[in-house]
């Protein structure tokens, strides 16, 4: 899933453009902005966009200090 993602580990920020590159563990999820397909959206595009909230939850669970 391409987009803009930032996590914090210790006192450093790490930026990623692919959600699959985000480490399995980090301290805080700072930014989660998946890239939407260009409009007009097809049903397939809407189905893909509808996966964003579930992927956010999945990634957010990895934020160790976000879940203390």
PDB file of N, CA and C in Angstrom:
ATOM      1  N   UNK A   1       0.858  -1.171   0.000  1.00  0.00           N
ATOM      2  CA  UNK A   1       0.000   0.000   0.000  1.00  0.00           C
ATOM      3  C   UNK A   1       0.903   1.233   0.000  1.00  0.00           C
ATOM      4  N   UNK A   2       0.903   1.949  -1.084  1.00  0.00           N
ATOM      5  CA  UNK A   2       1.749   3.131  -1.240  1.00  0.00           C
ATOM      6  C   UNK A   2       1.089   4.327  -0.541  1.00  0.00           C
ATOM      7  N   UNK A   3       1.914   5.187   0.033  1.00  0.00           N
ATOM      8  CA  UNK A   3       1.403   6.374   0.712  1.00  0.00           C
ATOM      9  C   UNK A   3       2.526   7.070   1.465  1.00  0.00           C
ATOM     10  N   UNK A   4       2.135   7.829   2.486  1.00  0.00           N
ATOM     11  CA  UNK A   4       3.089   8.523   3.345  1.00  0.00           C
ATOM     12  C   UNK A   4       2.883   8.027   4.765  1.00  0.00           C
ATOM     13  N   UNK A   5       3.954   7.460   5.324  1.00  0.00           N
ATOM     14  CA  UNK A   5       3.873   6.863   6.651  1.00  0.00           C
ATOM     15  C   UNK A   5       5.089   7.299   7.453  1.00  0.00           C
ATOM     16  N   UNK A   6       4.867   7.635   8.730  1.00  0.00           N
ATOM     17  CA  UNK A   6       5.955   8.031   9.611  1.00  0.00           C
ATOM     18  C   UNK A   6       5.780   7.327  10.943  1.00  0.00           C
ATOM     19  N   UNK A   7       6.874   6.756  11.440  1.00  0.00           N
ATOM     20  CA  UNK A   7       6.871   6.166  12.775  1.00  0.00           C
ATOM     21  C   UNK A   7       8.011   6.774  13.574  1.00  0.00           C
ATOM     22  N   UNK A   8       7.865   6.723  14.882  1.00  0.00           N
ATOM     23  CA  UNK A   8       8.905   7.227  15.774  1.00  0.00           C
ATOM     24  C   UNK A   8       9.487   6.044  16.531  1.00  0.00           C
ATOM     25  N   UNK A   9      10.809   5.976  16.513  1.00  0.00           N
ATOM     26  CA  UNK A   9      11.530   4.966  17.286  1.00  0.00           C
ATOM     27  C   UNK A   9      12.561   5.729  18.104  1.00  0.00           C
ATOM     28  N   UNK A  10      12.393   5.660  19.419  1.00  0.00           N
ATOM     29  CA  UNK A  10      13.242   6.474  20.283  1.00  0.00           C
ATOM     30  C   UNK A  10      12.933   7.933  20.038  1.00  0.00           C
ATOM     31  N   UNK A  11      13.958   8.710  19.713  1.00  0.00           N
ATOM     32  CA  UNK A  11      13.726  10.130  19.441  1.00  0.00           C
ATOM     33  C   UNK A  11      13.858  10.448  17.948  1.00  0.00           C
ATOM     34  N   UNK A  12      13.841   9.408  17.097  1.00  0.00           N
ATOM     35  CA  UNK A  12      13.995   9.622  15.657  1.00  0.00           C
ATOM     36  C   UNK A  12      12.729   9.261  14.892  1.00  0.00           C
ATOM     37  N   UNK A  13      12.470  10.032  13.838  1.00  0.00           N
ATOM     38  CA  UNK A  13      11.340   9.762  12.950  1.00  0.00           C
ATOM     39  C   UNK A  13      11.845   9.039  11.703  1.00  0.00           C
ATOM     40  N   UNK A  14      11.074   8.050  11.274  1.00  0.00           N
ATOM     41  CA  UNK A  14      11.405   7.291  10.075  1.00  0.00           C
ATOM     42  C   UNK A  14      10.223   7.367   9.126  1.00  0.00           C
ATOM     43  N   UNK A  15      10.501   7.740   7.882  1.00  0.00           N
ATOM     44  CA  UNK A  15       9.451   7.906   6.882  1.00  0.00           C
ATOM     45  C   UNK A  15       9.501   6.761   5.877  1.00  0.00           C
ATOM     46  N   UNK A  16       8.307   6.319   5.458  1.00  0.00           N
ATOM     47  CA  UNK A  16       8.182   5.220   4.507  1.00  0.00           C
ATOM     48  C   UNK A  16       7.154   5.591   3.446  1.00  0.00           C
ATOM     49  N   UNK A  17       7.298   5.007   2.270  1.00  0.00           N
ATOM     50  CA  UNK A  17       6.321   5.222   1.199  1.00  0.00           C
ATOM     51  C   UNK A  17       5.520   3.961   0.916  1.00  0.00           C
ATOM     52  N   UNK A  18       5.909   2.832   1.523  1.00  0.00           N
ATOM     53  CA  UNK A  18       5.170   1.584   1.370  1.00  0.00           C
ATOM     54  C   UNK A  18       4.872   1.047   2.765  1.00  0.00           C
ATOM     55  N   UNK A  19       3.616   0.790   3.039  1.00  0.00           N
ATOM     56  CA  UNK A  19       3.217   0.337   4.373  1.00  0.00           C
ATOM     57  C   UNK A  19       3.926  -0.970   4.748  1.00  0.00           C
ATOM     58  N   UNK A  20       4.277  -1.780   3.769  1.00  0.00           N
ATOM     59  CA  UNK A  20       4.949  -3.053   4.049  1.00  0.00           C
ATOM     60  C   UNK A  20       6.388  -2.871   4.524  1.00  0.00           C
ATOM     61  N   UNK A  21       6.932  -1.674   4.388  1.00  0.00           N
ATOM     62  CA  UNK A  21       8.293  -1.403   4.842  1.00  0.00           C
ATOM     63  C   UNK A  21       8.348  -0.954   6.301  1.00  0.00           C
ATOM     64  N   UNK A  22       7.212  -0.673   6.901  1.00  0.00           N
ATOM     65  CA  UNK A  22       7.176  -0.225   8.295  1.00  0.00           C
ATOM     66  C   UNK A  22       7.613  -1.386   9.185  1.00  0.00           C
ATOM     67  N   UNK A  23       8.509  -1.137  10.145  1.00  0.00           N
ATOM     68  CA  UNK A  23       8.973  -2.218  11.021  1.00  0.00           C
ATOM     69  C   UNK A  23       7.824  -2.855  11.806  1.00  0.00           C
ATOM     70  N   UNK A  24       8.049  -4.078  12.228  1.00  0.00           N
ATOM     71  CA  UNK A  24       7.031  -4.804  13.008  1.00  0.00           C
ATOM     72  C   UNK A  24       6.795  -4.160  14.366  1.00  0.00           C
ATOM     73  N   UNK A  25       7.810  -3.480  14.905  1.00  0.00           N
ATOM     74  CA  UNK A  25       7.679  -2.797  16.196  1.00  0.00           C
ATOM     75  C   UNK A  25       8.285  -1.406  16.096  1.00  0.00           C
ATOM     76  N   UNK A  26       7.615  -0.447  16.703  1.00  0.00           N
ATOM     77  CA  UNK A  26       8.090   0.932  16.779  1.00  0.00           C
ATOM     78  C   UNK A  26       7.413   1.556  17.980  1.00  0.00           C
ATOM     79  N   UNK A  27       7.802   2.782  18.327  1.00  0.00           N
ATOM     80  CA  UNK A  27       7.219   3.420  19.522  1.00  0.00           C
ATOM     81  C   UNK A  27       5.875   4.079  19.225  1.00  0.00           C
ATOM     82  N   UNK A  28       5.828   4.909  18.190  1.00  0.00           N
ATOM     83  CA  UNK A  28       4.612   5.669  17.883  1.00  0.00           C
ATOM     84  C   UNK A  28       4.368   5.726  16.379  1.00  0.00           C
ATOM     85  N   UNK A  29       3.116   5.592  15.996  1.00  0.00           N
ATOM     86  CA  UNK A  29       2.716   5.839  14.617  1.00  0.00           C
ATOM     87  C   UNK A  29       2.374   7.318  14.521  1.00  0.00           C
ATOM     88  N   UNK A  30       3.103   8.039  13.689  1.00  0.00           N
ATOM     89  CA  UNK A  30       2.939   9.485  13.582  1.00  0.00           C
ATOM     90  C   UNK A  30       2.046   9.851  12.401  1.00  0.00           C
ATOM     91  N   UNK A  31       2.248   9.187  11.277  1.00  0.00           N
ATOM     92  CA  UNK A  31       1.512   9.546  10.060  1.00  0.00           C
ATOM     93  C   UNK A  31       1.121   8.279   9.306  1.00  0.00           C
ATOM     94  N   UNK A  32      -0.131   8.234   8.870  1.00  0.00           N
ATOM     95  CA  UNK A  32      -0.643   7.112   8.076  1.00  0.00           C
ATOM     96  C   UNK A  32      -1.556   7.696   7.008  1.00  0.00           C
ATOM     97  N   UNK A  33      -1.023   7.866   5.795  1.00  0.00           N
ATOM     98  CA  UNK A  33      -1.784   8.489   4.711  1.00  0.00           C
ATOM     99  C   UNK A  33      -1.616   7.650   3.432  1.00  0.00           C
ATOM    100  N   UNK A  34      -2.450   6.626   3.266  1.00  0.00           N
ATOM    101  CA  UNK A  34      -2.378   5.851   2.027  1.00  0.00           C
ATOM    102  C   UNK A  34      -2.793   6.702   0.832  1.00  0.00           C
ATOM    103  N   UNK A  35      -2.231   6.396  -0.321  1.00  0.00           N
ATOM    104  CA  UNK A  35      -2.559   7.117  -1.543  1.00  0.00           C
ATOM    105  C   UNK A  35      -3.801   6.515  -2.185  1.00  0.00           C
ATOM    106  N   UNK A  36      -4.802   7.361  -2.387  1.00  0.00           N
ATOM    107  CA  UNK A  36      -6.030   6.902  -3.051  1.00  0.00           C
ATOM    108  C   UNK A  36      -5.810   6.833  -4.556  1.00  0.00           C
ATOM    109  N   UNK A  37      -6.484   5.902  -5.221  1.00  0.00           N
ATOM    110  CA  UNK A  37      -6.425   5.874  -6.683  1.00  0.00           C
ATOM    111  C   UNK A  37      -7.044   7.158  -7.247  1.00  0.00           C
ATOM    112  N   UNK A  38      -6.636   7.556  -8.443  1.00  0.00           N
ATOM    113  CA  UNK A  38      -7.202   8.772  -9.035  1.00  0.00           C
ATOM    114  C   UNK A  38      -8.692   8.613  -9.342  1.00  0.00           C
ATOM    115  N   UNK A  39      -9.402   9.725  -9.255  1.00  0.00           N
ATOM    116  CA  UNK A  39     -10.837   9.724  -9.583  1.00  0.00           C
ATOM    117  C   UNK A  39     -11.023   9.749 -11.083  1.00  0.00           C
ATOM    118  N   UNK A  40     -12.120   9.315 -11.607  1.00  0.00           N
ATOM    119  CA  UNK A  40     -13.250   8.725 -10.885  1.00  0.00           C
ATOM    120  C   UNK A  40     -12.911   7.314 -10.415  1.00  0.00           C
ATOM    121  N   UNK A  41     -13.440   6.966  -9.244  1.00  0.00           N
ATOM    122  CA  UNK A  41     -13.154   5.669  -8.647  1.00  0.00           C
ATOM    123  C   UNK A  41     -14.076   4.598  -9.191  1.00  0.00           C
ATOM    124  N   UNK A  42     -13.498   3.461  -9.484  1.00  0.00           N
ATOM    125  CA  UNK A  42     -14.280   2.285  -9.869  1.00  0.00           C
ATOM    126  C   UNK A  42     -14.702   1.560  -8.590  1.00  0.00           C
ATOM    127  N   UNK A  43     -15.521   0.549  -8.729  1.00  0.00           N
ATOM    128  CA  UNK A  43     -15.893  -0.253  -7.557  1.00  0.00           C
ATOM    129  C   UNK A  43     -14.655  -0.917  -6.968  1.00  0.00           C
ATOM    130  N   UNK A  44     -13.744  -1.356  -7.827  1.00  0.00           N
ATOM    131  CA  UNK A  44     -12.491  -1.954  -7.353  1.00  0.00           C
ATOM    132  C   UNK A  44     -11.687  -0.946  -6.539  1.00  0.00           C
ATOM    133  N   UNK A  45     -11.647   0.309  -6.992  1.00  0.00           N
ATOM    134  CA  UNK A  45     -10.969   1.367  -6.241  1.00  0.00           C
ATOM    135  C   UNK A  45     -11.612   1.563  -4.873  1.00  0.00           C
ATOM    136  N   UNK A  46     -12.941   1.585  -4.833  1.00  0.00           N
ATOM    137  CA  UNK A  46     -13.650   1.753  -3.551  1.00  0.00           C
ATOM    138  C   UNK A  46     -13.368   0.586  -2.618  1.00  0.00           C
ATOM    139  N   UNK A  47     -13.326  -0.606  -3.167  1.00  0.00           N
ATOM    140  CA  UNK A  47     -13.012  -1.776  -2.343  1.00  0.00           C
ATOM    141  C   UNK A  47     -11.613  -1.646  -1.747  1.00  0.00           C
ATOM    142  N   UNK A  48     -10.679  -1.160  -2.551  1.00  0.00           N
ATOM    143  CA  UNK A  48      -9.308  -0.951  -2.078  1.00  0.00           C
ATOM    144  C   UNK A  48      -9.270   0.141  -1.004  1.00  0.00           C
ATOM    145  N   UNK A  49      -9.927   1.250  -1.252  1.00  0.00           N
ATOM    146  CA  UNK A  49      -9.968   2.350  -0.276  1.00  0.00           C
ATOM    147  C   UNK A  49     -10.587   1.882   1.038  1.00  0.00           C
ATOM    148  N   UNK A  50     -11.567   1.011   0.949  1.00  0.00           N
ATOM    149  CA  UNK A  50     -12.226   0.498   2.157  1.00  0.00           C
ATOM    150  C   UNK A  50     -11.315  -0.387   3.000  1.00  0.00           C
ATOM    151  N   UNK A  51     -10.153  -0.794   2.473  1.00  0.00           N
ATOM    152  CA  UNK A  51      -9.195  -1.570   3.267  1.00  0.00           C
ATOM    153  C   UNK A  51      -8.312  -0.670   4.131  1.00  0.00           C
ATOM    154  N   UNK A  52      -8.310   0.636   3.887  1.00  0.00           N
ATOM    155  CA  UNK A  52      -7.438   1.548   4.616  1.00  0.00           C
ATOM    156  C   UNK A  52      -7.660   1.509   6.135  1.00  0.00           C
ATOM    157  N   UNK A  53      -8.900   1.566   6.628  1.00  0.00           N
ATOM    158  CA  UNK A  53      -9.081   1.559   8.091  1.00  0.00           C
ATOM    159  C   UNK A  53      -8.562   0.280   8.757  1.00  0.00           C
ATOM    160  N   UNK A  54      -8.756  -0.856   8.127  1.00  0.00           N
ATOM    161  CA  UNK A  54      -8.283  -2.118   8.713  1.00  0.00           C
ATOM    162  C   UNK A  54      -6.756  -2.160   8.725  1.00  0.00           C
ATOM    163  N   UNK A  55      -6.132  -1.676   7.662  1.00  0.00           N
ATOM    164  CA  UNK A  55      -4.666  -1.636   7.611  1.00  0.00           C
ATOM    165  C   UNK A  55      -4.138  -0.663   8.659  1.00  0.00           C
ATOM    166  N   UNK A  56      -4.835   0.466   8.846  1.00  0.00           N
ATOM    167  CA  UNK A  56      -4.431   1.412   9.890  1.00  0.00           C
ATOM    168  C   UNK A  56      -4.442   0.734  11.258  1.00  0.00           C
ATOM    169  N   UNK A  57      -5.511   0.020  11.574  1.00  0.00           N
ATOM    170  CA  UNK A  57      -5.602  -0.679  12.868  1.00  0.00           C
ATOM    171  C   UNK A  57      -4.469  -1.678  13.027  1.00  0.00           C
ATOM    172  N   UNK A  58      -4.187  -2.412  11.963  1.00  0.00           N
ATOM    173  CA  UNK A  58      -3.125  -3.414  11.991  1.00  0.00           C
ATOM    174  C   UNK A  58      -1.771  -2.772  12.289  1.00  0.00           C
ATOM    175  N   UNK A  59      -1.478  -1.667  11.613  1.00  0.00           N
ATOM    176  CA  UNK A  59      -0.190  -0.987  11.810  1.00  0.00           C
ATOM    177  C   UNK A  59      -0.165  -0.301  13.176  1.00  0.00           C
ATOM    178  N   UNK A  60      -1.246   0.321  13.577  1.00  0.00           N
ATOM    179  CA  UNK A  60      -1.290   1.045  14.853  1.00  0.00           C
ATOM    180  C   UNK A  60      -1.042   0.109  16.037  1.00  0.00           C
ATOM    181  N   UNK A  61      -1.454  -1.127  15.942  1.00  0.00           N
ATOM    182  CA  UNK A  61      -1.228  -2.098  17.023  1.00  0.00           C
ATOM    183  C   UNK A  61       0.251  -2.336  17.279  1.00  0.00           C
ATOM    184  N   UNK A  62       1.081  -2.084  16.278  1.00  0.00           N
ATOM    185  CA  UNK A  62       2.520  -2.313  16.425  1.00  0.00           C
ATOM    186  C   UNK A  62       3.208  -1.215  17.212  1.00  0.00           C
ATOM    187  N   UNK A  63       2.533  -0.076  17.399  1.00  0.00           N
ATOM    188  CA  UNK A  63       3.123   1.050  18.138  1.00  0.00           C
ATOM    189  C   UNK A  63       3.171   0.721  19.621  1.00  0.00           C
ATOM    190  N   UNK A  64       4.327   0.326  20.091  1.00  0.00           N
ATOM    191  CA  UNK A  64       4.474  -0.160  21.463  1.00  0.00           C
ATOM    192  C   UNK A  64       3.993   0.877  22.482  1.00  0.00           C
ATOM    193  N   UNK A  65       4.463   2.097  22.376  1.00  0.00           N
ATOM    194  CA  UNK A  65       4.096   3.126  23.356  1.00  0.00           C
ATOM    195  C   UNK A  65       2.702   3.689  23.094  1.00  0.00           C
ATOM    196  N   UNK A  66       2.185   3.495  21.895  1.00  0.00           N
ATOM    197  CA  UNK A  66       0.818   3.910  21.608  1.00  0.00           C
ATOM    198  C   UNK A  66      -0.190   2.994  22.280  1.00  0.00           C
ATOM    199  N   UNK A  67       0.243   1.802  22.660  1.00  0.00           N
ATOM    200  CA  UNK A  67      -0.668   0.787  23.192  1.00  0.00           C
ATOM    201  C   UNK A  67      -0.368   0.399  24.630  1.00  0.00           C
ATOM    202  N   UNK A  68       0.316   1.271  25.362  1.00  0.00           N
ATOM    203  CA  UNK A  68       0.609   0.987  26.774  1.00  0.00           C
ATOM    204  C   UNK A  68      -0.604   1.219  27.632  1.00  0.00           C
TER     205      UNK A  68
END
